[in-house]
């Protein structure tokens, strides 16, 4: 019994702080202390400055050979592609109308790794989890963006073009932060203490501010609409993706922090960026918002269960 409560306590330390900050965001929005304008500015600040700074420092302060794991990154890329292809088949068979299929597929495979996934890893493993997860997240995020454009373009019959897709990847602030950090880490270049401390202040803003904005952005009223397709996307994100990633990683021999990162990143809810992309391309934005809201709530429970199981098996 004591061991069970120890496992339960560990799982709560991973997901509990996320739940509190999301709930605080909801509360502050309802009481008027947060506004739509604040959420818009705060989210942009996180995406363009704070989170890239956090990524840069996490990688720059570690030796690249210690934090890079080619096998883990290759697994993440391969499994992401496999899940995408499977969800394309599911959507073609079960999702109507056809123009909503890309929204369902994107909602299932595209994880919010940059905010909630990283927060899970930091809560579970501290700085070591942040460094190891940053490179994994950076490489998989590139594939996320490519596949999201492909599936939405297919279902909405819109052509984005390779040049526009490449521009979106090259100008992604998260990717820029990671790429700039790689030579610093590889060559162990010294950075001014003032720059490092100022960067730490900025980076420390990212996760709490992002979680507050995410909570404030949740729209529970919209869950009444598009429920059928929302459930397909949500079950894919909360059940299918974490199971496939975790079981696949276990089968290939990943254990400890590597297995934990795979499970925690895969268990993160649908990325908020998916809503922005769907809306910009003229897709079903309500369906995208529903999926984000439902997976954000469900992820806390499903991730807690996953942590408990892996912890109980001594694999995490």
Protein backbone atom coordinates (compact mmCIF):
# COMPACT_ATOMS: atom_id res chain seq x y z
CA UNK A 1 0.00 0.00 0.00
CA UNK A 2 2.83 2.41 0.84
CA UNK A 3 4.41 1.67 -2.55
CA UNK A 4 1.11 2.41 -4.31
CA UNK A 5 0.77 5.78 -2.60
CA UNK A 6 4.39 6.53 -3.46
CA UNK A 7 3.66 5.89 -7.16
CA UNK A 8 0.45 7.90 -6.91
CA UNK A 9 2.32 10.78 -5.28
CA UNK A 10 4.95 10.79 -8.04
CA UNK A 11 2.31 10.88 -10.78
CA UNK A 12 0.62 13.80 -9.05
CA UNK A 13 3.91 15.73 -8.89
CA UNK A 14 4.11 15.39 -12.69
CA UNK A 15 0.55 16.38 -13.63
CA UNK A 16 -0.67 18.24 -10.52
CA UNK A 17 1.13 21.57 -11.15
CA UNK A 18 -0.12 21.57 -14.76
CA UNK A 19 -3.69 21.10 -13.57
CA UNK A 20 -3.35 23.92 -11.02
CA UNK A 21 -2.01 26.43 -13.55
CA UNK A 22 -4.58 25.49 -16.20
CA UNK A 23 -7.34 25.82 -13.62
CA UNK A 24 -5.94 29.17 -12.49
CA UNK A 25 -6.03 30.37 -16.09
CA UNK A 26 -9.69 29.39 -16.37
CA UNK A 27 -10.52 31.12 -13.07
CA UNK A 28 -8.65 34.33 -13.89
CA UNK A 29 -10.34 34.50 -17.29
CA UNK A 30 -13.79 34.12 -15.76
CA UNK A 31 -13.13 36.75 -13.11
CA UNK A 32 -11.85 39.21 -15.71
CA UNK A 33 -8.27 39.38 -14.45
CA UNK A 34 -7.17 37.87 -17.75
CA UNK A 35 -8.53 39.12 -21.06
CA UNK A 36 -8.49 37.89 -24.65
CA UNK A 37 -5.95 40.60 -25.46
CA UNK A 38 -3.64 39.46 -22.65
CA UNK A 39 -3.92 35.83 -23.76
CA UNK A 40 -3.12 36.77 -27.37
CA UNK A 41 -0.08 38.86 -26.37
CA UNK A 42 1.07 36.38 -23.74
CA UNK A 43 0.84 33.44 -26.13
CA UNK A 44 2.82 35.33 -28.77
CA UNK A 45 5.45 36.28 -26.17
CA UNK A 46 5.84 32.66 -25.13
CA UNK A 47 6.03 31.32 -28.68
CA UNK A 48 8.39 33.93 -30.14
CA UNK A 49 10.68 34.77 -27.20
CA UNK A 50 10.28 32.95 -23.88
CA UNK A 51 10.05 29.33 -25.05
CA UNK A 52 12.81 29.61 -27.69
CA UNK A 53 15.01 31.15 -24.97
CA UNK A 54 14.23 28.24 -22.65
CA UNK A 55 15.11 25.78 -25.44
CA UNK A 56 18.33 27.63 -26.22
CA UNK A 57 19.54 27.64 -22.62
CA UNK A 58 18.55 24.03 -21.98
CA UNK A 59 20.67 22.83 -24.91
CA UNK A 60 23.49 25.40 -24.68
CA UNK A 61 24.22 24.52 -21.04
CA UNK A 62 24.62 20.80 -21.74
CA UNK A 63 27.10 18.80 -23.79
CA UNK A 64 25.36 17.84 -27.01
CA UNK A 65 26.80 14.33 -26.91
CA UNK A 66 25.23 13.85 -23.47
CA UNK A 67 21.74 15.13 -24.35
CA UNK A 68 21.41 14.05 -27.99
CA UNK A 69 19.89 10.63 -28.52
CA UNK A 70 19.68 9.77 -32.23
CA UNK A 71 17.82 6.52 -31.54
CA UNK A 72 15.17 8.31 -29.48
CA UNK A 73 14.73 11.05 -32.09
CA UNK A 74 14.52 8.50 -34.92
CA UNK A 75 11.89 6.57 -32.97
CA UNK A 76 9.83 9.73 -32.40
CA UNK A 77 9.95 10.64 -36.09
CA UNK A 78 9.10 7.12 -37.24
CA UNK A 79 6.21 6.67 -34.82
CA UNK A 80 4.80 10.11 -35.64
CA UNK A 81 4.72 9.22 -39.33
CA UNK A 82 3.14 5.82 -38.58
CA UNK A 83 0.43 7.35 -36.38
CA UNK A 84 -0.27 9.99 -39.02
CA UNK A 85 -0.76 7.35 -41.74
CA UNK A 86 -3.02 5.26 -39.48
CA UNK A 87 -5.16 8.27 -38.56
CA UNK A 88 -5.48 9.16 -42.26
CA UNK A 89 -7.02 5.72 -42.78
CA UNK A 90 -9.30 6.10 -39.74
CA UNK A 91 -10.48 9.51 -40.92
CA UNK A 92 -11.16 8.28 -44.44
CA UNK A 93 -13.36 5.47 -43.07
CA UNK A 94 -15.14 7.16 -40.16
CA UNK A 95 -15.06 10.96 -40.55
CA UNK A 96 -17.70 12.94 -42.44
CA UNK A 97 -17.75 15.45 -44.04
CA UNK A 98 -14.53 14.81 -45.93
CA UNK A 99 -13.27 18.37 -45.41
CA UNK A 100 -13.04 17.73 -41.63
CA UNK A 101 -10.72 14.75 -41.99
CA UNK A 102 -7.53 16.80 -41.88
CA UNK A 103 -8.68 18.55 -38.70
CA UNK A 104 -9.32 15.19 -37.01
CA UNK A 105 -5.99 13.74 -38.15
CA UNK A 106 -3.99 16.78 -37.01
CA UNK A 107 -5.77 16.81 -33.65
CA UNK A 108 -4.78 13.20 -33.04
CA UNK A 109 -1.06 13.23 -33.92
CA UNK A 110 0.04 16.82 -33.15
CA UNK A 111 1.03 17.02 -29.47
CA UNK A 112 1.49 20.19 -27.42
CA UNK A 113 5.06 19.17 -26.66
CA UNK A 114 6.45 22.69 -26.46
CA UNK A 115 4.34 23.68 -23.47
CA UNK A 116 2.59 20.85 -21.66
CA UNK A 117 4.90 18.07 -22.85
CA UNK A 118 7.97 19.96 -21.67
CA UNK A 119 6.24 20.83 -18.41
CA UNK A 120 5.55 17.13 -17.82
CA UNK A 121 9.22 16.28 -18.48
CA UNK A 122 10.54 19.07 -16.25
CA UNK A 123 8.25 18.02 -13.39
CA UNK A 124 9.33 14.40 -13.78
CA UNK A 125 13.08 14.76 -14.41
CA UNK A 126 14.11 18.39 -13.83
CA UNK A 127 16.90 19.92 -15.95
CA UNK A 128 17.93 16.52 -17.32
CA UNK A 129 14.42 15.99 -18.67
CA UNK A 130 14.35 19.46 -20.21
CA UNK A 131 17.66 19.00 -22.04
CA UNK A 132 16.81 15.53 -23.36
CA UNK A 133 13.29 16.49 -24.37
CA UNK A 134 14.30 19.71 -26.15
CA UNK A 135 16.12 18.08 -29.07
CA UNK A 136 13.45 15.39 -29.35
CA UNK A 137 10.75 18.06 -29.42
CA UNK A 138 12.60 20.19 -31.97
CA UNK A 139 13.03 17.43 -34.52
CA UNK A 140 9.52 16.02 -34.14
CA UNK A 141 8.01 19.53 -34.29
CA UNK A 142 9.42 19.94 -37.80
CA UNK A 143 7.61 16.77 -38.89
CA UNK A 144 4.43 17.93 -37.11
CA UNK A 145 4.37 21.10 -39.19
CA UNK A 146 4.96 19.28 -42.47
CA UNK A 147 2.30 16.62 -41.85
CA UNK A 148 -0.23 19.18 -40.59
CA UNK A 149 0.06 21.18 -43.81
CA UNK A 150 -0.21 18.00 -45.89
CA UNK A 151 -3.33 16.62 -44.19
CA UNK A 152 -5.18 19.94 -44.07
CA UNK A 153 -4.31 20.74 -47.69
CA UNK A 154 -5.57 17.32 -48.78
CA UNK A 155 -8.91 17.56 -47.01
CA UNK A 156 -9.51 21.23 -47.83
CA UNK A 157 -8.17 20.90 -51.40
CA UNK A 158 -5.71 23.72 -50.91
CA UNK A 159 -2.12 23.77 -52.11
CA UNK A 160 0.41 25.38 -49.75
CA UNK A 161 3.50 24.77 -51.86
CA UNK A 162 6.88 23.45 -50.72
CA UNK A 163 8.36 26.95 -50.49
CA UNK A 164 5.70 28.20 -48.10
CA UNK A 165 6.00 25.04 -46.00
CA UNK A 166 9.79 25.38 -45.83
CA UNK A 167 9.49 29.06 -44.87
CA UNK A 168 7.15 28.15 -42.01
CA UNK A 169 9.69 25.65 -40.66
CA UNK A 170 12.76 27.86 -41.09
CA UNK A 171 11.08 30.84 -39.40
CA UNK A 172 9.65 28.82 -36.50
CA UNK A 173 11.08 30.49 -33.34
CA UNK A 174 11.41 27.16 -31.51
CA UNK A 175 13.44 25.67 -34.32
CA UNK A 176 15.61 28.80 -34.49
CA UNK A 177 16.31 28.66 -30.75
CA UNK A 178 17.34 25.01 -30.94
CA UNK A 179 19.52 25.46 -34.05
CA UNK A 180 21.35 28.45 -32.52
CA UNK A 181 22.04 26.46 -29.35
CA UNK A 182 23.58 23.46 -31.12
CA UNK A 183 26.99 25.02 -31.98
CA UNK A 184 27.17 26.62 -28.52
CA UNK A 185 26.67 23.23 -26.93
CA UNK A 186 28.88 21.34 -29.37
CA UNK A 187 31.82 23.75 -29.02
CA UNK A 188 31.13 24.49 -25.35
CA UNK A 189 31.27 28.23 -26.07
CA UNK A 190 31.18 30.39 -22.93
CA UNK A 191 28.29 32.85 -22.69
CA UNK A 192 28.35 36.08 -20.62
CA UNK A 193 26.88 35.60 -17.15
CA UNK A 194 24.65 38.64 -17.61
CA UNK A 195 23.21 37.12 -20.80
CA UNK A 196 22.71 33.74 -19.14
CA UNK A 197 20.94 35.20 -16.11
CA UNK A 198 18.74 37.50 -18.19
CA UNK A 199 17.94 34.56 -20.47
CA UNK A 200 17.02 32.45 -17.46
CA UNK A 201 14.56 35.10 -16.29
CA UNK A 202 12.94 35.18 -19.72
CA UNK A 203 12.93 31.39 -20.10
CA UNK A 204 11.39 30.92 -16.66
CA UNK A 205 8.38 32.90 -17.87
CA UNK A 206 7.51 30.43 -20.58
CA UNK A 207 5.87 27.44 -18.93
CA UNK A 208 3.76 29.20 -16.25
CA UNK A 209 2.65 31.96 -18.65
CA UNK A 210 1.89 29.46 -21.41
CA UNK A 211 -0.17 27.27 -19.09
CA UNK A 212 -2.13 30.27 -17.78
CA UNK A 213 -2.89 31.36 -21.34
CA UNK A 214 -3.83 27.81 -22.34
CA UNK A 215 -6.27 27.55 -19.43
CA UNK A 216 -7.74 30.96 -20.24
CA UNK A 217 -8.23 29.92 -23.87
CA UNK A 218 -10.27 26.78 -23.11
CA UNK A 219 -13.83 27.10 -24.41
CA UNK A 220 -15.99 24.45 -22.78
CA UNK A 221 -19.21 25.72 -24.37
CA UNK A 222 -17.96 24.77 -27.82
CA UNK A 223 -17.72 21.12 -26.75
CA UNK A 224 -21.44 20.67 -27.49
CA UNK A 225 -20.79 21.08 -31.21
CA UNK A 226 -19.06 18.60 -33.51
CA UNK A 227 -18.95 15.99 -30.74
CA UNK A 228 -18.72 12.90 -32.97
CA UNK A 229 -15.58 13.88 -34.86
CA UNK A 230 -14.16 15.49 -31.72
CA UNK A 231 -14.33 12.14 -29.92
CA UNK A 232 -12.52 10.34 -32.76
CA UNK A 233 -9.68 12.86 -32.65
CA UNK A 234 -9.62 12.93 -28.84
CA UNK A 235 -9.50 9.15 -28.42
CA UNK A 236 -6.70 9.03 -30.96
CA UNK A 237 -4.72 11.66 -29.06
CA UNK A 238 -5.35 10.44 -25.50
CA UNK A 239 -5.40 6.66 -25.97
CA UNK A 240 -4.03 5.48 -29.32
CA UNK A 241 -0.97 7.74 -29.60
CA UNK A 242 0.37 7.29 -26.03
CA UNK A 243 -0.20 3.52 -26.19
CA UNK A 244 1.53 3.06 -29.54
CA UNK A 245 4.46 5.28 -28.60
CA UNK A 246 4.93 3.71 -25.16
CA UNK A 247 4.55 0.09 -26.22
CA UNK A 248 6.78 0.66 -29.24
CA UNK A 249 9.47 2.26 -27.09
CA UNK A 250 9.29 -0.58 -24.56
CA UNK A 251 9.58 -3.16 -27.34
CA UNK A 252 12.72 -1.44 -28.63
CA UNK A 253 14.32 -1.44 -25.19
CA UNK A 254 13.90 2.19 -24.10
CA UNK A 255 13.78 2.54 -20.33
CA UNK A 256 14.11 5.21 -17.63
CA UNK A 257 14.19 8.82 -18.73
CA UNK A 258 14.03 7.90 -22.44
CA UNK A 259 10.83 5.87 -22.02
CA UNK A 260 9.43 8.57 -19.74
CA UNK A 261 10.05 11.31 -22.31
CA UNK A 262 8.39 9.26 -25.06
CA UNK A 263 5.31 8.59 -22.94
CA UNK A 264 5.02 12.13 -21.53
CA UNK A 265 5.47 13.84 -24.89
CA UNK A 266 3.00 11.50 -26.58
CA UNK A 267 0.49 12.04 -23.75
CA UNK A 268 0.51 15.83 -24.15
CA UNK A 269 -2.79 17.21 -25.48
CA UNK A 270 -3.39 18.52 -28.99
CA UNK A 271 -1.19 21.53 -29.78
CA UNK A 272 -2.88 24.93 -29.62
CA UNK A 273 -1.11 25.80 -32.88
CA UNK A 274 -3.41 23.34 -34.64
CA UNK A 275 -6.35 25.72 -34.10
CA UNK A 276 -4.41 28.63 -35.59
CA UNK A 277 -3.49 26.62 -38.68
CA UNK A 278 -7.02 25.27 -39.21
CA UNK A 279 -8.52 28.74 -38.90
CA UNK A 280 -5.95 30.28 -41.24
CA UNK A 281 -6.64 27.64 -43.90
CA UNK A 282 -10.43 27.98 -43.66
CA UNK A 283 -11.10 24.64 -41.96
CA UNK A 284 -13.50 23.69 -39.16
CA UNK A 285 -12.10 25.85 -36.35
CA UNK A 286 -14.81 24.78 -33.89
CA UNK A 287 -13.80 21.14 -34.28
CA UNK A 288 -10.15 22.08 -33.72
CA UNK A 289 -11.01 24.09 -30.58
CA UNK A 290 -13.14 21.22 -29.23
CA UNK A 291 -10.27 18.78 -29.63
CA UNK A 292 -7.81 21.06 -27.87
CA UNK A 293 -10.18 21.64 -24.93
CA UNK A 294 -11.12 17.98 -24.47
CA UNK A 295 -7.59 16.60 -24.86
CA UNK A 296 -6.18 19.23 -22.48
CA UNK A 297 -8.54 18.05 -19.73
CA UNK A 298 -8.22 14.35 -20.56
CA UNK A 299 -4.44 14.46 -20.82
CA UNK A 300 -4.07 15.17 -17.11
CA UNK A 301 -5.93 11.98 -16.19
CA UNK A 302 -4.45 9.77 -18.91
CA UNK A 303 -0.90 10.95 -18.23
CA UNK A 304 -1.32 10.33 -14.51
CA UNK A 305 -2.42 6.76 -15.24
CA UNK A 306 0.51 6.25 -17.63
CA UNK A 307 3.01 7.56 -15.08
CA UNK A 308 1.54 5.31 -12.39
CA UNK A 309 1.77 2.22 -14.61
CA UNK A 310 5.34 2.82 -15.76
CA UNK A 311 6.44 3.83 -12.28
CA UNK A 312 4.79 0.75 -10.81
CA UNK A 313 6.61 -1.45 -13.34
CA UNK A 314 9.89 0.22 -12.44
CA UNK A 315 10.44 1.47 -16.00
CA UNK A 316 10.24 5.21 -15.36
